[in-house]
Amino acid sequence: MTGAGGYVYAVHYSADGRRVATAAGDGVVRVYDTSGPTLHLLASLTAMAPEAVYAVALHPSGTRLVAGGSTEAIVGWDLDPERAASRACTWLGDPVAPEEWARYLPSVPYSRPCP
């Protein structure tokens, strides 16, 4: 396993064995896909960085994850991309207007980020 900064304090496999999550000393939780012949990094979650993360657990479905660390906080993530995008759009409120898009992303054609 590569990419972890500092010690890996905890490892947890999903119930189906297709994902594994690690908790590391650099405060990053990493989620890997284990379904292929080699590990494939799916996400590096940094809510606790730079404080160490000591515990990690995947929901039996493999789509949710919680971690705890030296900050005495517990952080949770939704690993389902569609559900996470839907929640982000709900939290963000008004989407980026075409004028703002043109100002900050002039080389990218406008695409409304949220329905």
N, C-alpha and C. Protein backbone atom coordinates (compact mmCIF):
# COMPACT_ATOMS: atom_id res chain seq x y z
N MET A 1 0.85 -1.16 0.00
CA MET A 1 0.00 0.00 0.00
C MET A 1 0.90 1.23 0.00
N THR A 2 0.69 2.12 -0.96
CA THR A 2 1.51 3.33 -1.04
C THR A 2 0.63 4.56 -0.90
N GLY A 3 1.27 5.69 -0.67
CA GLY A 3 0.55 6.95 -0.64
C GLY A 3 0.23 7.45 0.74
N ALA A 4 0.30 6.61 1.77
CA ALA A 4 -0.02 7.07 3.11
C ALA A 4 1.14 7.87 3.66
N GLY A 5 0.84 9.02 4.22
CA GLY A 5 1.86 9.84 4.86
C GLY A 5 1.89 9.52 6.34
N GLY A 6 2.99 9.06 6.84
CA GLY A 6 3.07 8.66 8.24
C GLY A 6 2.58 7.24 8.42
N TYR A 7 2.37 6.87 9.67
CA TYR A 7 1.94 5.52 9.99
C TYR A 7 0.49 5.30 9.58
N VAL A 8 0.16 4.07 9.23
CA VAL A 8 -1.23 3.65 9.04
C VAL A 8 -1.66 3.02 10.36
N TYR A 9 -2.63 3.66 11.02
CA TYR A 9 -3.07 3.21 12.34
C TYR A 9 -4.23 2.22 12.28
N ALA A 10 -5.01 2.26 11.21
CA ALA A 10 -6.16 1.35 11.13
C ALA A 10 -6.47 1.04 9.68
N VAL A 11 -6.98 -0.16 9.47
CA VAL A 11 -7.40 -0.63 8.14
C VAL A 11 -8.74 -1.31 8.33
N HIS A 12 -9.69 -1.03 7.43
CA HIS A 12 -11.00 -1.68 7.53
C HIS A 12 -11.49 -2.03 6.13
N TYR A 13 -11.88 -3.30 5.95
CA TYR A 13 -12.42 -3.77 4.67
C TYR A 13 -13.94 -3.68 4.69
N SER A 14 -14.53 -3.39 3.52
CA SER A 14 -15.98 -3.45 3.39
C SER A 14 -16.41 -4.91 3.51
N ALA A 15 -17.68 -5.12 3.79
CA ALA A 15 -18.20 -6.48 3.99
C ALA A 15 -17.97 -7.36 2.77
N ASP A 16 -18.05 -6.77 1.57
CA ASP A 16 -17.85 -7.57 0.36
C ASP A 16 -16.38 -7.66 -0.06
N GLY A 17 -15.49 -6.98 0.67
CA GLY A 17 -14.07 -7.05 0.37
C GLY A 17 -13.63 -6.23 -0.83
N ARG A 18 -14.52 -5.44 -1.41
CA ARG A 18 -14.18 -4.68 -2.62
C ARG A 18 -13.55 -3.32 -2.33
N ARG A 19 -13.65 -2.87 -1.09
CA ARG A 19 -13.03 -1.60 -0.70
C ARG A 19 -12.28 -1.80 0.61
N VAL A 20 -11.23 -1.00 0.76
CA VAL A 20 -10.51 -0.97 2.02
C VAL A 20 -10.23 0.50 2.34
N ALA A 21 -10.38 0.86 3.61
CA ALA A 21 -10.11 2.22 4.06
C ALA A 21 -8.97 2.18 5.06
N THR A 22 -8.12 3.20 5.02
CA THR A 22 -7.01 3.29 5.96
C THR A 22 -7.06 4.62 6.70
N ALA A 23 -6.61 4.61 7.95
CA ALA A 23 -6.49 5.81 8.77
C ALA A 23 -5.01 6.04 9.01
N ALA A 24 -4.52 7.25 8.71
CA ALA A 24 -3.09 7.49 8.76
C ALA A 24 -2.70 8.66 9.65
N GLY A 25 -1.44 8.68 9.99
CA GLY A 25 -0.88 9.70 10.85
C GLY A 25 -0.88 11.09 10.25
N ASP A 26 -1.04 11.20 8.94
CA ASP A 26 -1.08 12.53 8.31
C ASP A 26 -2.48 13.14 8.31
N GLY A 27 -3.44 12.45 8.92
CA GLY A 27 -4.80 12.96 9.00
C GLY A 27 -5.65 12.66 7.80
N VAL A 28 -5.15 11.82 6.91
CA VAL A 28 -5.88 11.50 5.68
C VAL A 28 -6.43 10.08 5.76
N VAL A 29 -7.71 9.96 5.41
CA VAL A 29 -8.35 8.65 5.26
C VAL A 29 -8.33 8.34 3.78
N ARG A 30 -7.80 7.17 3.43
CA ARG A 30 -7.72 6.78 2.03
C ARG A 30 -8.63 5.57 1.80
N VAL A 31 -9.33 5.60 0.69
CA VAL A 31 -10.23 4.50 0.33
C VAL A 31 -9.72 3.91 -0.98
N TYR A 32 -9.56 2.60 -0.98
CA TYR A 32 -9.04 1.89 -2.14
C TYR A 32 -10.06 0.90 -2.67
N ASP A 33 -10.03 0.69 -3.98
CA ASP A 33 -10.79 -0.37 -4.63
C ASP A 33 -9.88 -1.59 -4.67
N THR A 34 -10.36 -2.70 -4.14
CA THR A 34 -9.56 -3.93 -4.10
C THR A 34 -10.08 -4.99 -5.06
N SER A 35 -11.00 -4.62 -5.95
CA SER A 35 -11.62 -5.62 -6.82
C SER A 35 -10.72 -6.08 -7.96
N GLY A 36 -9.69 -5.33 -8.28
CA GLY A 36 -8.79 -5.70 -9.37
C GLY A 36 -7.53 -6.37 -8.85
N PRO A 37 -6.59 -6.61 -9.74
CA PRO A 37 -5.35 -7.27 -9.34
C PRO A 37 -4.44 -6.38 -8.48
N THR A 38 -4.63 -5.05 -8.55
CA THR A 38 -3.85 -4.12 -7.73
C THR A 38 -4.80 -3.14 -7.05
N LEU A 39 -4.34 -2.55 -5.97
CA LEU A 39 -5.14 -1.54 -5.28
C LEU A 39 -5.26 -0.30 -6.15
N HIS A 40 -6.44 0.30 -6.14
CA HIS A 40 -6.68 1.53 -6.89
C HIS A 40 -7.24 2.56 -5.91
N LEU A 41 -6.54 3.69 -5.74
CA LEU A 41 -6.98 4.73 -4.82
C LEU A 41 -8.24 5.39 -5.36
N LEU A 42 -9.32 5.36 -4.58
CA LEU A 42 -10.59 5.99 -4.96
C LEU A 42 -10.73 7.39 -4.38
N ALA A 43 -10.24 7.58 -3.14
CA ALA A 43 -10.42 8.87 -2.49
C ALA A 43 -9.38 9.08 -1.40
N SER A 44 -8.97 10.34 -1.24
CA SER A 44 -8.15 10.78 -0.11
C SER A 44 -8.97 11.84 0.61
N LEU A 45 -9.43 11.52 1.80
CA LEU A 45 -10.35 12.38 2.54
C LEU A 45 -9.57 13.06 3.66
N THR A 46 -9.56 14.40 3.66
CA THR A 46 -8.65 15.15 4.52
C THR A 46 -9.33 15.98 5.60
N ALA A 47 -10.47 15.61 6.06
CA ALA A 47 -11.20 16.42 7.04
C ALA A 47 -10.43 16.62 8.34
N MET A 48 -9.53 15.74 8.69
CA MET A 48 -8.81 15.85 9.96
C MET A 48 -7.37 16.30 9.80
N ALA A 49 -6.87 16.37 8.59
CA ALA A 49 -5.47 16.73 8.37
C ALA A 49 -5.19 18.09 8.97
N PRO A 50 -4.05 18.32 9.58
CA PRO A 50 -2.89 17.43 9.68
C PRO A 50 -2.89 16.54 10.92
N GLU A 51 -3.98 16.51 11.70
CA GLU A 51 -4.03 15.68 12.90
C GLU A 51 -4.20 14.20 12.52
N ALA A 52 -3.63 13.32 13.31
CA ALA A 52 -3.67 11.89 13.02
C ALA A 52 -5.10 11.34 13.09
N VAL A 53 -5.36 10.34 12.26
CA VAL A 53 -6.61 9.58 12.29
C VAL A 53 -6.25 8.19 12.80
N TYR A 54 -6.94 7.74 13.86
CA TYR A 54 -6.60 6.47 14.49
C TYR A 54 -7.58 5.35 14.24
N ALA A 55 -8.78 5.68 13.78
CA ALA A 55 -9.79 4.65 13.58
C ALA A 55 -10.58 4.95 12.32
N VAL A 56 -11.01 3.88 11.64
CA VAL A 56 -11.80 4.02 10.43
C VAL A 56 -12.71 2.81 10.31
N ALA A 57 -13.93 3.04 9.80
CA ALA A 57 -14.86 1.93 9.60
C ALA A 57 -15.74 2.21 8.40
N LEU A 58 -15.91 1.21 7.56
CA LEU A 58 -16.80 1.28 6.41
C LEU A 58 -18.14 0.66 6.79
N HIS A 59 -19.22 1.27 6.34
CA HIS A 59 -20.55 0.69 6.50
C HIS A 59 -20.56 -0.63 5.73
N PRO A 60 -21.34 -1.61 6.16
CA PRO A 60 -21.39 -2.89 5.45
C PRO A 60 -21.66 -2.76 3.94
N SER A 61 -22.38 -1.71 3.53
CA SER A 61 -22.65 -1.51 2.10
C SER A 61 -21.42 -0.99 1.35
N GLY A 62 -20.44 -0.47 2.10
CA GLY A 62 -19.25 0.09 1.47
C GLY A 62 -19.44 1.50 0.94
N THR A 63 -20.61 2.10 1.17
CA THR A 63 -20.87 3.42 0.61
C THR A 63 -20.78 4.55 1.64
N ARG A 64 -20.54 4.21 2.88
CA ARG A 64 -20.38 5.23 3.92
C ARG A 64 -19.18 4.86 4.77
N LEU A 65 -18.58 5.90 5.34
CA LEU A 65 -17.36 5.69 6.10
C LEU A 65 -17.32 6.67 7.27
N VAL A 66 -16.79 6.25 8.39
CA VAL A 66 -16.56 7.14 9.53
C VAL A 66 -15.12 6.97 10.00
N ALA A 67 -14.58 8.05 10.57
CA ALA A 67 -13.21 8.01 11.08
C ALA A 67 -13.13 8.88 12.32
N GLY A 68 -12.18 8.53 13.19
CA GLY A 68 -11.95 9.30 14.39
C GLY A 68 -10.46 9.46 14.61
N GLY A 69 -10.10 10.56 15.25
CA GLY A 69 -8.67 10.82 15.42
C GLY A 69 -8.34 11.60 16.66
N SER A 70 -7.17 12.21 16.62
CA SER A 70 -6.63 12.91 17.78
C SER A 70 -7.38 14.19 18.11
N THR A 71 -8.26 14.65 17.24
CA THR A 71 -9.03 15.87 17.52
C THR A 71 -10.28 15.56 18.34
N GLU A 72 -10.48 14.31 18.71
CA GLU A 72 -11.65 13.86 19.46
C GLU A 72 -12.94 14.09 18.68
N ALA A 73 -12.82 14.13 17.38
CA ALA A 73 -13.99 14.30 16.51
C ALA A 73 -14.21 13.02 15.72
N ILE A 74 -15.45 12.82 15.31
CA ILE A 74 -15.79 11.74 14.41
C ILE A 74 -16.32 12.39 13.14
N VAL A 75 -15.76 11.98 12.01
CA VAL A 75 -16.15 12.55 10.72
C VAL A 75 -16.72 11.44 9.86
N GLY A 76 -17.79 11.75 9.12
CA GLY A 76 -18.40 10.76 8.25
C GLY A 76 -18.44 11.24 6.82
N TRP A 77 -18.38 10.30 5.89
CA TRP A 77 -18.43 10.61 4.47
C TRP A 77 -19.40 9.67 3.78
N ASP A 78 -20.05 10.19 2.77
CA ASP A 78 -20.89 9.39 1.88
C ASP A 78 -20.05 9.09 0.66
N LEU A 79 -19.79 7.83 0.38
CA LEU A 79 -18.92 7.44 -0.73
C LEU A 79 -19.66 7.18 -2.03
N ASP A 80 -20.99 7.33 -2.01
CA ASP A 80 -21.77 7.17 -3.24
C ASP A 80 -21.73 8.50 -3.99
N PRO A 81 -21.08 8.56 -5.16
CA PRO A 81 -20.88 9.84 -5.87
C PRO A 81 -22.18 10.58 -6.18
N GLU A 82 -23.20 9.88 -6.64
CA GLU A 82 -24.46 10.55 -6.99
C GLU A 82 -25.15 11.13 -5.76
N ARG A 83 -25.17 10.37 -4.69
CA ARG A 83 -25.81 10.84 -3.46
C ARG A 83 -25.02 12.02 -2.87
N ALA A 84 -23.69 11.94 -2.90
CA ALA A 84 -22.86 13.03 -2.39
C ALA A 84 -23.04 14.29 -3.22
N ALA A 85 -23.11 14.16 -4.54
CA ALA A 85 -23.32 15.33 -5.41
C ALA A 85 -24.67 15.96 -5.14
N SER A 86 -25.69 15.14 -4.96
CA SER A 86 -27.03 15.66 -4.67
C SER A 86 -27.03 16.44 -3.36
N ARG A 87 -26.38 15.91 -2.34
CA ARG A 87 -26.32 16.61 -1.05
C ARG A 87 -25.53 17.90 -1.16
N ALA A 88 -24.43 17.89 -1.92
CA ALA A 88 -23.62 19.10 -2.10
C ALA A 88 -24.45 20.19 -2.78
N CYS A 89 -25.22 19.82 -3.78
CA CYS A 89 -26.05 20.80 -4.47
C CYS A 89 -27.10 21.38 -3.53
N THR A 90 -27.63 20.56 -2.64
CA THR A 90 -28.61 21.04 -1.66
C THR A 90 -27.96 22.05 -0.72
N TRP A 91 -26.75 21.78 -0.28
CA TRP A 91 -26.06 22.67 0.66
C TRP A 91 -25.61 23.96 0.00
N LEU A 92 -25.23 23.90 -1.28
CA LEU A 92 -24.65 25.07 -1.94
C LEU A 92 -25.65 26.17 -2.22
N GLY A 93 -26.89 25.83 -2.38
CA GLY A 93 -27.88 26.85 -2.72
C GLY A 93 -27.83 27.18 -4.20
N ASP A 94 -27.78 28.47 -4.53
CA ASP A 94 -27.79 28.89 -5.93
C ASP A 94 -26.56 28.39 -6.66
N PRO A 95 -26.75 27.84 -7.86
CA PRO A 95 -25.60 27.39 -8.63
C PRO A 95 -24.81 28.57 -9.20
N VAL A 96 -23.70 28.27 -9.79
CA VAL A 96 -22.87 29.28 -10.42
C VAL A 96 -23.60 29.85 -11.63
N ALA A 97 -23.68 31.16 -11.69
CA ALA A 97 -24.33 31.83 -12.82
C ALA A 97 -23.42 31.77 -14.04
N PRO A 98 -23.99 31.81 -15.25
CA PRO A 98 -23.16 31.77 -16.46
C PRO A 98 -22.09 32.87 -16.49
N GLU A 99 -22.39 34.04 -15.94
CA GLU A 99 -21.41 35.13 -15.93
C GLU A 99 -20.21 34.78 -15.04
N GLU A 100 -20.49 34.19 -13.87
CA GLU A 100 -19.41 33.78 -12.97
C GLU A 100 -18.58 32.68 -13.61
N TRP A 101 -19.25 31.74 -14.25
CA TRP A 101 -18.57 30.63 -14.92
C TRP A 101 -17.61 31.20 -15.96
N ALA A 102 -18.09 32.13 -16.76
CA ALA A 102 -17.25 32.72 -17.82
C ALA A 102 -16.05 33.44 -17.23
N ARG A 103 -16.24 34.06 -16.08
CA ARG A 103 -15.14 34.79 -15.44
C ARG A 103 -14.06 33.84 -14.92
N TYR A 104 -14.46 32.75 -14.27
CA TYR A 104 -13.50 31.87 -13.60
C TYR A 104 -13.08 30.66 -14.42
N LEU A 105 -13.91 30.26 -15.38
CA LEU A 105 -13.61 29.09 -16.23
C LEU A 105 -13.83 29.45 -17.69
N PRO A 106 -13.13 30.45 -18.21
CA PRO A 106 -13.43 30.94 -19.55
C PRO A 106 -13.20 29.91 -20.66
N SER A 107 -12.34 28.94 -20.45
CA SER A 107 -12.06 27.97 -21.50
C SER A 107 -12.96 26.73 -21.44
N VAL A 108 -13.87 26.70 -20.46
CA VAL A 108 -14.76 25.54 -20.30
C VAL A 108 -16.18 25.96 -20.61
N PRO A 109 -16.86 25.26 -21.51
CA PRO A 109 -18.25 25.61 -21.83
C PRO A 109 -19.13 25.51 -20.57
N TYR A 110 -20.08 26.43 -20.44
CA TYR A 110 -20.95 26.48 -19.27
C TYR A 110 -21.79 25.20 -19.17
N SER A 111 -21.83 24.69 -17.96
CA SER A 111 -22.66 23.54 -17.64
C SER A 111 -23.19 23.76 -16.23
N ARG A 112 -24.49 23.86 -16.10
CA ARG A 112 -25.09 24.10 -14.78
C ARG A 112 -24.67 22.98 -13.84
N PRO A 113 -23.97 23.31 -12.73
CA PRO A 113 -23.43 22.29 -11.84
C PRO A 113 -24.49 21.47 -11.10
N CYS A 114 -25.62 22.08 -10.80
CA CYS A 114 -26.68 21.39 -10.07
C CYS A 114 -28.00 21.56 -10.83
N PRO A 115 -28.84 20.53 -10.80
CA PRO A 115 -30.12 20.65 -11.50
C PRO A 115 -31.02 21.71 -10.87
